[in-house]
Amino acid sequence: MVSAIRDMRHYRGARPDQTAASRQPPPVVEAPRSEATPFPWKKSLLTALLACALGAAAWGGWQGWKTVRRPSLMPISTIHVNGLSPRIRLPAVNQALQPYLQQGFLWINLDQLRQSLLQVPWVATADIRRVWPDRLDIQLGGFTPVARWLGGSGEVMDAGGQVYHVPSSGIPAGLPNLIGPAGAGAGMMQELSRFNATLAPLGLHVTDLEEDARGGWRCILNNGVRLVLGSTGVIPALQRWAGIAPEVGGYLVPGATMDLRYSNGFAVALPAAATSSVIEGSGIPRSNRK
């Protein structure tokens, strides 16, 4: 009994830290880690399969693209060309078409083909349309030349001032020659029309019209007379001359030059004369006036 009481006293007198220490679990000893990491076979296999699938899809897509791009898949079998004329000839049109027919119906570049057709002599417009499944409809538009540009052998101009290069053999005879700065064609066509309207009552028209870099005008008429005009007041000066020209008919000889840059008259240089005479509104040469 005494021993039991002593044991209880001893138990009650024990320190708390000793009791807690006695209740803690034993330490866990970790096993040493291996330095070698296992190879991720599963992940690598999935990556390889994905790469193969993408490669196969790319290769198949490329082969399919080449197959679709083959002209033999959908060749052009029919071409309708409208707008042919004695000037716009079929052999020249066929020559422009030939490089593009091998592209096939689906992949032919219509813009490039249009530009090629516009290089055909006498062609001003070219409209192209695909007609399913294998036909091209081409509508060509020509132009009418109204003047030679720069007096050259192969450039002509239409009524709108657009310049075209054509074979010299096809240019109509009798077209007026225009010479002027680059890009001045449209303005010169307007002036040519005004000149001719002013000269029409005299039975005259312009055969050669020139505008220099400073804006001065010169022209040659169908009777061989050369007129020199300034850069301002051109039409009023021409109108004054047209009003007095019937009174000085003796001076209207081929090769005569008349300078209209005067406000109250004009100067005349005859082919055989070494000097000029100033002709006033009365039509009497100054050398004959008293």
C-alpha atoms as a PDB file:
ATOM      1  CA  MET A   1       0.000   0.000   0.000  1.00  0.00           C
ATOM      2  CA  VAL A   2       2.824   2.309   0.910  1.00  0.00           C
ATOM      3  CA  SER A   3       4.572   1.469  -2.352  1.00  0.00           C
ATOM      4  CA  ALA A   4       1.477   2.317  -4.375  1.00  0.00           C
ATOM      5  CA  ILE A   5       1.101   5.722  -2.684  1.00  0.00           C
ATOM      6  CA  ARG A   6       4.726   6.487  -3.383  1.00  0.00           C
ATOM      7  CA  ASP A   7       4.312   5.636  -7.031  1.00  0.00           C
ATOM      8  CA  MET A   8       1.278   7.945  -7.307  1.00  0.00           C
ATOM      9  CA  ARG A   9       3.162  10.759  -5.660  1.00  0.00           C
ATOM     10  CA  HIS A  10       5.994  10.195  -7.981  1.00  0.00           C
ATOM     11  CA  TYR A  11       3.612  10.225 -10.973  1.00  0.00           C
ATOM     12  CA  ARG A  12       1.856  13.412  -9.845  1.00  0.00           C
ATOM     13  CA  GLY A  13       5.181  15.131  -9.270  1.00  0.00           C
ATOM     14  CA  ALA A  14       6.505  14.415 -12.732  1.00  0.00           C
ATOM     15  CA  ARG A  15       7.218  17.492 -14.971  1.00  0.00           C
ATOM     16  CA  PRO A  16       4.900  18.262 -17.871  1.00  0.00           C
ATOM     17  CA  ASP A  17       7.686  18.395 -20.440  1.00  0.00           C
ATOM     18  CA  GLN A  18       8.792  14.941 -19.502  1.00  0.00           C
ATOM     19  CA  THR A  19       5.222  13.680 -19.946  1.00  0.00           C
ATOM     20  CA  ALA A  20       4.843  15.329 -23.369  1.00  0.00           C
ATOM     21  CA  ALA A  21       8.191  14.036 -24.437  1.00  0.00           C
ATOM     22  CA  SER A  22       7.169  10.566 -23.480  1.00  0.00           C
ATOM     23  CA  ARG A  23       4.024  10.891 -25.659  1.00  0.00           C
ATOM     24  CA  GLN A  24       5.786  12.128 -28.883  1.00  0.00           C
ATOM     25  CA  PRO A  25       6.041   9.568 -31.729  1.00  0.00           C
ATOM     26  CA  PRO A  26       9.442   8.318 -32.690  1.00  0.00           C
ATOM     27  CA  PRO A  27      11.195  10.308 -35.441  1.00  0.00           C
ATOM     28  CA  VAL A  28      10.750   9.174 -39.020  1.00  0.00           C
ATOM     29  CA  VAL A  29      13.899   8.482 -40.920  1.00  0.00           C
ATOM     30  CA  GLU A  30      13.608   9.327 -44.661  1.00  0.00           C
ATOM     31  CA  ALA A  31      15.111   6.980 -47.146  1.00  0.00           C
ATOM     32  CA  PRO A  32      17.887   8.457 -49.254  1.00  0.00           C
ATOM     33  CA  ARG A  33      16.693   9.803 -52.673  1.00  0.00           C
ATOM     34  CA  SER A  34      18.027   8.323 -55.818  1.00  0.00           C
ATOM     35  CA  GLU A  35      19.929  10.810 -58.041  1.00  0.00           C
ATOM     36  CA  ALA A  36      18.600   9.234 -61.341  1.00  0.00           C
ATOM     37  CA  THR A  37      15.186  10.605 -62.586  1.00  0.00           C
ATOM     38  CA  PRO A  38      13.028   8.098 -64.466  1.00  0.00           C
ATOM     39  CA  PHE A  39      12.511   8.893 -68.210  1.00  0.00           C
ATOM     40  CA  PRO A  40       8.975  10.242 -69.003  1.00  0.00           C
ATOM     41  CA  TRP A  41       8.153   7.602 -71.575  1.00  0.00           C
ATOM     42  CA  LYS A  42       4.452   8.356 -71.655  1.00  0.00           C
ATOM     43  CA  LYS A  43       4.834  12.094 -72.224  1.00  0.00           C
ATOM     44  CA  SER A  44       7.517  11.621 -74.858  1.00  0.00           C
ATOM     45  CA  LEU A  45       5.425   9.077 -76.709  1.00  0.00           C
ATOM     46  CA  LEU A  46       2.445  11.440 -76.796  1.00  0.00           C
ATOM     47  CA  THR A  47       4.640  14.284 -78.047  1.00  0.00           C
ATOM     48  CA  ALA A  48       6.095  12.126 -80.802  1.00  0.00           C
ATOM     49  CA  LEU A  49       2.659  10.958 -81.879  1.00  0.00           C
ATOM     50  CA  LEU A  50       1.386  14.548 -81.957  1.00  0.00           C
ATOM     51  CA  ALA A  51       4.385  15.683 -84.051  1.00  0.00           C
ATOM     52  CA  CYS A  52       3.836  12.831 -86.490  1.00  0.00           C
ATOM     53  CA  ALA A  53       0.141  13.681 -86.772  1.00  0.00           C
ATOM     54  CA  LEU A  54       0.897  17.352 -87.456  1.00  0.00           C
ATOM     55  CA  GLY A  55       3.552  16.443 -90.004  1.00  0.00           C
ATOM     56  CA  ALA A  56       1.197  14.068 -91.779  1.00  0.00           C
ATOM     57  CA  ALA A  57      -1.558  16.705 -91.823  1.00  0.00           C
ATOM     58  CA  ALA A  58       0.833  19.333 -93.226  1.00  0.00           C
ATOM     59  CA  TRP A  59       2.137  16.956 -95.892  1.00  0.00           C
ATOM     60  CA  GLY A  60      -1.404  15.930 -96.832  1.00  0.00           C
ATOM     61  CA  GLY A  61      -2.499  19.553 -96.988  1.00  0.00           C
ATOM     62  CA  TRP A  62       0.455  20.458 -99.197  1.00  0.00           C
ATOM     63  CA  GLN A  63      -0.245  17.559-101.540  1.00  0.00           C
ATOM     64  CA  GLY A  64      -3.911  18.517-101.663  1.00  0.00           C
ATOM     65  CA  TRP A  65      -3.016  22.145-102.395  1.00  0.00           C
ATOM     66  CA  LYS A  66      -0.762  21.096-105.268  1.00  0.00           C
ATOM     67  CA  THR A  67      -3.508  18.890-106.619  1.00  0.00           C
ATOM     68  CA  VAL A  68      -6.061  21.693-106.509  1.00  0.00           C
ATOM     69  CA  ARG A  69      -3.628  24.118-108.157  1.00  0.00           C
ATOM     70  CA  ARG A  70      -3.094  21.852-111.142  1.00  0.00           C
ATOM     71  CA  PRO A  71      -4.600  23.419-114.265  1.00  0.00           C
ATOM     72  CA  SER A  72      -5.628  19.949-115.383  1.00  0.00           C
ATOM     73  CA  LEU A  73      -8.098  19.786-112.476  1.00  0.00           C
ATOM     74  CA  MET A  74     -10.284  22.582-113.960  1.00  0.00           C
ATOM     75  CA  PRO A  75      -8.807  23.679-117.290  1.00  0.00           C
ATOM     76  CA  ILE A  76     -10.123  26.589-119.338  1.00  0.00           C
ATOM     77  CA  SER A  77     -11.870  25.031-122.285  1.00  0.00           C
ATOM     78  CA  THR A  78     -13.706  27.991-123.844  1.00  0.00           C
ATOM     79  CA  ILE A  79     -12.869  31.681-124.334  1.00  0.00           C
ATOM     80  CA  HIS A  80     -15.343  34.147-125.793  1.00  0.00           C
ATOM     81  CA  VAL A  81     -13.752  37.355-127.077  1.00  0.00           C
ATOM     82  CA  ASN A  82     -15.971  40.261-128.082  1.00  0.00           C
ATOM     83  CA  GLY A  83     -14.789  43.559-129.497  1.00  0.00           C
ATOM     84  CA  LEU A  84     -12.484  42.359-132.270  1.00  0.00           C
ATOM     85  CA  SER A  85     -12.099  44.732-135.203  1.00  0.00           C
ATOM     86  CA  PRO A  86      -9.827  45.359-138.187  1.00  0.00           C
ATOM     87  CA  ARG A  87      -7.514  47.116-135.729  1.00  0.00           C
ATOM     88  CA  ILE A  88      -7.895  44.728-132.774  1.00  0.00           C
ATOM     89  CA  ARG A  89      -6.935  41.411-134.331  1.00  0.00           C
ATOM     90  CA  LEU A  90      -7.378  37.932-132.888  1.00  0.00           C
ATOM     91  CA  PRO A  91      -3.713  36.816-133.276  1.00  0.00           C
ATOM     92  CA  ALA A  92      -2.547  39.702-131.096  1.00  0.00           C
ATOM     93  CA  VAL A  93      -5.224  38.882-128.495  1.00  0.00           C
ATOM     94  CA  ASN A  94      -4.263  35.184-128.492  1.00  0.00           C
ATOM     95  CA  GLN A  95      -0.634  36.109-127.952  1.00  0.00           C
ATOM     96  CA  ALA A  96      -1.610  38.129-124.880  1.00  0.00           C
ATOM     97  CA  LEU A  97      -3.780  35.273-123.545  1.00  0.00           C
ATOM     98  CA  GLN A  98      -1.338  32.415-124.045  1.00  0.00           C
ATOM     99  CA  PRO A  99       0.856  32.808-120.912  1.00  0.00           C
ATOM    100  CA  TYR A 100      -2.197  32.791-118.610  1.00  0.00           C
ATOM    101  CA  LEU A 101      -4.201  29.859-119.925  1.00  0.00           C
ATOM    102  CA  GLN A 102      -1.928  27.360-118.144  1.00  0.00           C
ATOM    103  CA  GLN A 103      -3.024  28.744-114.764  1.00  0.00           C
ATOM    104  CA  GLY A 104      -6.389  26.988-114.958  1.00  0.00           C
ATOM    105  CA  PHE A 105      -9.921  28.257-114.439  1.00  0.00           C
ATOM    106  CA  LEU A 106      -9.742  28.717-110.668  1.00  0.00           C
ATOM    107  CA  TRP A 107      -6.320  30.275-110.361  1.00  0.00           C
ATOM    108  CA  ILE A 108      -5.911  32.458-113.449  1.00  0.00           C
ATOM    109  CA  ASN A 109      -4.939  35.990-112.398  1.00  0.00           C
ATOM    110  CA  LEU A 110      -7.547  38.178-114.051  1.00  0.00           C
ATOM    111  CA  ASP A 111      -5.828  41.452-113.131  1.00  0.00           C
ATOM    112  CA  GLN A 112      -2.587  40.416-114.780  1.00  0.00           C
ATOM    113  CA  LEU A 113      -4.467  39.112-117.802  1.00  0.00           C
ATOM    114  CA  ARG A 114      -6.336  42.426-118.087  1.00  0.00           C
ATOM    115  CA  GLN A 115      -3.078  44.378-118.035  1.00  0.00           C
ATOM    116  CA  SER A 116      -1.685  42.118-120.738  1.00  0.00           C
ATOM    117  CA  LEU A 117      -4.727  42.688-122.952  1.00  0.00           C
ATOM    118  CA  LEU A 118      -4.436  46.446-122.507  1.00  0.00           C
ATOM    119  CA  GLN A 119      -1.014  46.222-124.148  1.00  0.00           C
ATOM    120  CA  VAL A 120      -2.585  44.945-127.362  1.00  0.00           C
ATOM    121  CA  PRO A 121      -2.576  47.758-129.957  1.00  0.00           C
ATOM    122  CA  TRP A 122      -5.828  49.733-130.187  1.00  0.00           C
ATOM    123  CA  VAL A 123      -7.290  48.189-127.005  1.00  0.00           C
ATOM    124  CA  ALA A 124      -8.540  50.818-124.547  1.00  0.00           C
ATOM    125  CA  THR A 125     -10.576  48.650-122.126  1.00  0.00           C
ATOM    126  CA  ALA A 126     -10.673  44.954-121.219  1.00  0.00           C
ATOM    127  CA  ASP A 127     -13.340  43.318-119.047  1.00  0.00           C
ATOM    128  CA  ILE A 128     -12.913  39.647-118.078  1.00  0.00           C
ATOM    129  CA  ARG A 129     -15.443  37.382-116.358  1.00  0.00           C
ATOM    130  CA  ARG A 130     -15.325  33.742-115.242  1.00  0.00           C
ATOM    131  CA  VAL A 131     -18.310  31.647-116.315  1.00  0.00           C
ATOM    132  CA  TRP A 132     -18.629  28.368-114.389  1.00  0.00           C
ATOM    133  CA  PRO A 133     -17.169  25.870-114.843  1.00  0.00           C
ATOM    134  CA  ASP A 134     -14.595  26.382-117.606  1.00  0.00           C
ATOM    135  CA  ARG A 135     -15.262  29.530-119.673  1.00  0.00           C
ATOM    136  CA  LEU A 136     -13.844  33.059-119.848  1.00  0.00           C
ATOM    137  CA  ASP A 137     -15.826  35.933-121.330  1.00  0.00           C
ATOM    138  CA  ILE A 138     -13.658  38.836-122.549  1.00  0.00           C
ATOM    139  CA  GLN A 139     -15.039  42.160-123.718  1.00  0.00           C
ATOM    140  CA  LEU A 140     -12.545  44.455-125.448  1.00  0.00           C
ATOM    141  CA  GLY A 141     -13.092  48.121-126.169  1.00  0.00           C
ATOM    142  CA  GLY A 142     -11.169  50.113-128.731  1.00  0.00           C
ATOM    143  CA  PHE A 143     -10.609  53.845-129.148  1.00  0.00           C
ATOM    144  CA  THR A 144     -10.703  56.348-131.976  1.00  0.00           C
ATOM    145  CA  PRO A 145      -7.505  58.340-132.539  1.00  0.00           C
ATOM    146  CA  VAL A 146      -8.034  62.072-133.045  1.00  0.00           C
ATOM    147  CA  ALA A 147      -4.418  63.312-133.012  1.00  0.00           C
ATOM    148  CA  ARG A 148      -0.801  62.242-133.108  1.00  0.00           C
ATOM    149  CA  TRP A 149       1.009  62.903-129.857  1.00  0.00           C
ATOM    150  CA  LEU A 150       4.426  64.586-130.006  1.00  0.00           C
ATOM    151  CA  GLY A 151       4.301  64.247-133.773  1.00  0.00           C
ATOM    152  CA  GLY A 152       5.754  60.785-133.227  1.00  0.00           C
ATOM    153  CA  SER A 153       5.474  57.691-135.361  1.00  0.00           C
ATOM    154  CA  GLY A 154       3.618  55.464-132.931  1.00  0.00           C
ATOM    155  CA  GLU A 155       1.736  57.499-130.308  1.00  0.00           C
ATOM    156  CA  VAL A 156      -1.832  58.653-130.815  1.00  0.00           C
ATOM    157  CA  MET A 157      -4.391  60.357-128.604  1.00  0.00           C
ATOM    158  CA  ASP A 158      -8.117  59.889-128.195  1.00  0.00           C
ATOM    159  CA  ALA A 159     -10.675  62.633-127.608  1.00  0.00           C
ATOM    160  CA  GLY A 160     -10.115  62.453-123.846  1.00  0.00           C
ATOM    161  CA  GLY A 161      -6.395  63.088-124.130  1.00  0.00           C
ATOM    162  CA  GLN A 162      -5.348  59.505-123.363  1.00  0.00           C
ATOM    163  CA  VAL A 163      -2.152  58.517-125.185  1.00  0.00           C
ATOM    164  CA  TYR A 164      -1.736  55.057-126.781  1.00  0.00           C
ATOM    165  CA  HIS A 165       1.171  53.417-128.545  1.00  0.00           C
ATOM    166  CA  VAL A 166       0.107  51.717-131.774  1.00  0.00           C
ATOM    167  CA  PRO A 167       1.778  50.475-134.965  1.00  0.00           C
ATOM    168  CA  SER A 168       2.519  53.319-137.348  1.00  0.00           C
ATOM    169  CA  SER A 169       0.953  51.462-140.248  1.00  0.00           C
ATOM    170  CA  GLY A 170      -2.491  51.641-138.649  1.00  0.00           C
ATOM    171  CA  ILE A 171      -2.552  55.375-137.887  1.00  0.00           C
ATOM    172  CA  PRO A 172      -5.050  57.217-140.099  1.00  0.00           C
ATOM    173  CA  ALA A 173      -3.709  59.954-142.346  1.00  0.00           C
ATOM    174  CA  GLY A 174      -4.579  63.572-141.737  1.00  0.00           C
ATOM    175  CA  LEU A 175      -4.510  63.572-137.934  1.00  0.00           C
ATOM    176  CA  PRO A 176      -3.256  66.802-136.341  1.00  0.00           C
ATOM    177  CA  ASN A 177       0.090  66.684-134.576  1.00  0.00           C
ATOM    178  CA  LEU A 178       0.237  67.755-130.928  1.00  0.00           C
ATOM    179  CA  ILE A 179       3.492  68.597-129.173  1.00  0.00           C
ATOM    180  CA  GLY A 180       3.538  69.626-125.538  1.00  0.00           C
ATOM    181  CA  PRO A 181       4.676  68.878-121.981  1.00  0.00           C
ATOM    182  CA  ALA A 182       4.056  65.450-120.502  1.00  0.00           C
ATOM    183  CA  GLY A 183       0.524  65.107-119.208  1.00  0.00           C
ATOM    184  CA  ALA A 184      -0.757  68.104-121.204  1.00  0.00           C
ATOM    185  CA  GLY A 185      -2.655  66.023-123.743  1.00  0.00           C
ATOM    186  CA  ALA A 186      -6.169  66.592-122.373  1.00  0.00           C
ATOM    187  CA  GLY A 187      -5.657  70.358-122.142  1.00  0.00           C
ATOM    188  CA  MET A 188      -4.203  70.503-125.620  1.00  0.00           C
ATOM    189  CA  MET A 189      -7.189  68.626-127.032  1.00  0.00           C
ATOM    190  CA  GLN A 190      -9.489  71.264-125.546  1.00  0.00           C
ATOM    191  CA  GLU A 191      -7.398  74.077-127.022  1.00  0.00           C
ATOM    192  CA  LEU A 192      -7.334  72.330-130.395  1.00  0.00           C
ATOM    193  CA  SER A 193     -11.126  72.228-130.388  1.00  0.00           C
ATOM    194  CA  ARG A 194     -11.336  75.940-129.524  1.00  0.00           C
ATOM    195  CA  PHE A 195      -8.773  76.855-132.191  1.00  0.00           C
ATOM    196  CA  ASN A 196     -10.670  74.951-134.870  1.00  0.00           C
ATOM    197  CA  ALA A 197     -14.014  76.445-133.817  1.00  0.00           C
ATOM    198  CA  THR A 198     -12.513  79.945-134.193  1.00  0.00           C
ATOM    199  CA  LEU A 199     -10.956  79.186-137.585  1.00  0.00           C
ATOM    200  CA  ALA A 200     -13.877  77.228-139.054  1.00  0.00           C
ATOM    201  CA  PRO A 201     -15.615  80.304-140.614  1.00  0.00           C
ATOM    202  CA  LEU A 202     -12.433  80.876-142.666  1.00  0.00           C
ATOM    203  CA  GLY A 203     -12.380  77.288-143.877  1.00  0.00           C
ATOM    204  CA  LEU A 204      -9.189  76.699-141.888  1.00  0.00           C
ATOM    205  CA  HIS A 205      -8.153  74.221-139.213  1.00  0.00           C
ATOM    206  CA  VAL A 206      -5.037  73.353-137.224  1.00  0.00           C
ATOM    207  CA  THR A 207      -2.718  70.651-138.537  1.00  0.00           C
ATOM    208  CA  ASP A 208       0.058  71.120-135.938  1.00  0.00           C
ATOM    209  CA  LEU A 209      -0.322  72.517-132.421  1.00  0.00           C
ATOM    210  CA  GLU A 210       2.517  73.080-129.979  1.00  0.00           C
ATOM    211  CA  GLU A 211       2.654  74.267-126.376  1.00  0.00           C
ATOM    212  CA  ASP A 212       6.114  75.077-125.039  1.00  0.00           C
ATOM    213  CA  ALA A 213       7.351  74.717-121.473  1.00  0.00           C
ATOM    214  CA  ARG A 214       6.445  78.349-120.690  1.00  0.00           C
ATOM    215  CA  GLY A 215       2.861  77.965-121.876  1.00  0.00           C
ATOM    216  CA  GLY A 216       3.289  79.692-125.217  1.00  0.00           C
ATOM    217  CA  TRP A 217       1.309  78.400-128.197  1.00  0.00           C
ATOM    218  CA  ARG A 218       2.189  77.916-131.858  1.00  0.00           C
ATOM    219  CA  CYS A 219       0.214  76.306-134.611  1.00  0.00           C
ATOM    220  CA  ILE A 220       0.313  75.569-138.327  1.00  0.00           C
ATOM    221  CA  LEU A 221      -2.871  75.814-140.348  1.00  0.00           C
ATOM    222  CA  ASN A 222      -3.967  73.675-143.257  1.00  0.00           C
ATOM    223  CA  ASN A 223      -3.023  76.511-145.654  1.00  0.00           C
ATOM    224  CA  GLY A 224       0.590  76.359-144.460  1.00  0.00           C
ATOM    225  CA  VAL A 225       0.489  79.586-142.404  1.00  0.00           C
ATOM    226  CA  ARG A 226       2.213  79.500-139.036  1.00  0.00           C
ATOM    227  CA  LEU A 227       0.683  81.417-136.119  1.00  0.00           C
ATOM    228  CA  VAL A 228       2.673  82.407-133.009  1.00  0.00           C
ATOM    229  CA  LEU A 229       0.591  83.125-129.894  1.00  0.00           C
ATOM    230  CA  GLY A 230       1.549  83.994-126.346  1.00  0.00           C
ATOM    231  CA  SER A 231       0.715  82.237-123.115  1.00  0.00           C
ATOM    232  CA  THR A 232      -2.200  84.521-122.171  1.00  0.00           C
ATOM    233  CA  GLY A 233      -5.178  85.813-124.108  1.00  0.00           C
ATOM    234  CA  VAL A 234      -4.633  83.191-126.776  1.00  0.00           C
ATOM    235  CA  ILE A 235      -8.208  82.779-127.986  1.00  0.00           C
ATOM    236  CA  PRO A 236      -8.987  86.541-128.064  1.00  0.00           C
ATOM    237  CA  ALA A 237      -5.821  87.115-130.124  1.00  0.00           C
ATOM    238  CA  LEU A 238      -6.811  84.329-132.507  1.00  0.00           C
ATOM    239  CA  GLN A 239     -10.305  85.776-132.801  1.00  0.00           C
ATOM    240  CA  ARG A 240      -8.895  89.222-133.690  1.00  0.00           C
ATOM    241  CA  TRP A 241      -6.729  87.636-136.343  1.00  0.00           C
ATOM    242  CA  ALA A 242      -9.627  85.604-137.743  1.00  0.00           C
ATOM    243  CA  GLY A 243     -11.653  88.825-138.051  1.00  0.00           C
ATOM    244  CA  ILE A 244      -8.996  90.577-140.136  1.00  0.00           C
ATOM    245  CA  ALA A 245      -7.552  87.605-142.046  1.00  0.00           C
ATOM    246  CA  PRO A 246      -9.868  88.046-145.072  1.00  0.00           C
ATOM    247  CA  GLU A 247      -8.472  91.565-145.560  1.00  0.00           C
ATOM    248  CA  VAL A 248      -4.870  90.358-145.697  1.00  0.00           C
ATOM    249  CA  GLY A 249      -5.375  87.339-147.887  1.00  0.00           C
ATOM    250  CA  GLY A 250      -2.250  88.180-149.850  1.00  0.00           C
ATOM    251  CA  TYR A 251      -0.150  87.385-146.829  1.00  0.00           C
ATOM    252  CA  LEU A 252      -1.792  84.023-146.187  1.00  0.00           C
ATOM    253  CA  VAL A 253       0.743  82.035-148.174  1.00  0.00           C
ATOM    254  CA  PRO A 254       2.358  78.712-147.252  1.00  0.00           C
ATOM    255  CA  GLY A 255       5.368  79.264-145.039  1.00  0.00           C
ATOM    256  CA  ALA A 256       4.285  82.706-143.789  1.00  0.00           C
ATOM    257  CA  THR A 257       4.658  83.305-140.050  1.00  0.00           C
ATOM    258  CA  MET A 258       2.284  85.637-138.214  1.00  0.00           C
ATOM    259  CA  ASP A 259       3.045  86.755-134.666  1.00  0.00           C
ATOM    260  CA  LEU A 260      -0.217  87.475-132.832  1.00  0.00           C
ATOM    261  CA  ARG A 261       1.370  88.531-129.531  1.00  0.00           C
ATOM    262  CA  TYR A 262       0.440  92.170-130.107  1.00  0.00           C
ATOM    263  CA  SER A 263      -2.557  93.894-128.601  1.00  0.00           C
ATOM    264  CA  ASN A 264      -3.362  96.049-131.671  1.00  0.00           C
ATOM    265  CA  GLY A 265      -2.035  94.063-134.615  1.00  0.00           C
ATOM    266  CA  PHE A 266       0.341  91.292-135.636  1.00  0.00           C
ATOM    267  CA  ALA A 267       3.696  90.880-137.316  1.00  0.00           C
ATOM    268  CA  VAL A 268       4.149  89.032-140.573  1.00  0.00           C
ATOM    269  CA  ALA A 269       7.233  87.265-141.921  1.00  0.00           C
ATOM    270  CA  LEU A 270       6.820  86.093-145.491  1.00  0.00           C
ATOM    271  CA  PRO A 271       8.907  83.190-146.772  1.00  0.00           C
ATOM    272  CA  ALA A 272      10.893  85.342-149.199  1.00  0.00           C
ATOM    273  CA  ALA A 273      11.110  88.427-146.955  1.00  0.00           C
ATOM    274  CA  ALA A 274      14.012  89.169-144.672  1.00  0.00           C
ATOM    275  CA  THR A 275      12.093  91.610-142.479  1.00  0.00           C
ATOM    276  CA  SER A 276       8.727  91.649-140.767  1.00  0.00           C
ATOM    277  CA  SER A 277       5.884  94.087-141.303  1.00  0.00           C
ATOM    278  CA  VAL A 278       3.359  94.980-138.632  1.00  0.00           C
ATOM    279  CA  ILE A 279      -0.201  94.585-139.868  1.00  0.00           C
ATOM    280  CA  GLU A 280      -2.760  96.667-138.003  1.00  0.00           C
ATOM    281  CA  GLY A 281      -6.500  96.317-137.941  1.00  0.00           C
ATOM    282  CA  SER A 282      -6.948  98.124-141.269  1.00  0.00           C
ATOM    283  CA  GLY A 283      -4.875  95.517-143.022  1.00  0.00           C
ATOM    284  CA  ILE A 284      -2.452  98.128-144.480  1.00  0.00           C
ATOM    285  CA  PRO A 285       1.251  97.390-144.024  1.00  0.00           C
ATOM    286  CA  ARG A 286       2.996 100.034-141.956  1.00  0.00           C
ATOM    287  CA  SER A 287       5.604 100.419-144.735  1.00  0.00           C
ATOM    288  CA  ASN A 288       2.804 101.581-147.113  1.00  0.00           C
ATOM    289  CA  ARG A 289       1.148 103.991-144.685  1.00  0.00           C
ATOM    290  CA  LYS A 290       1.719 107.736-144.994  1.00  0.00           C
END
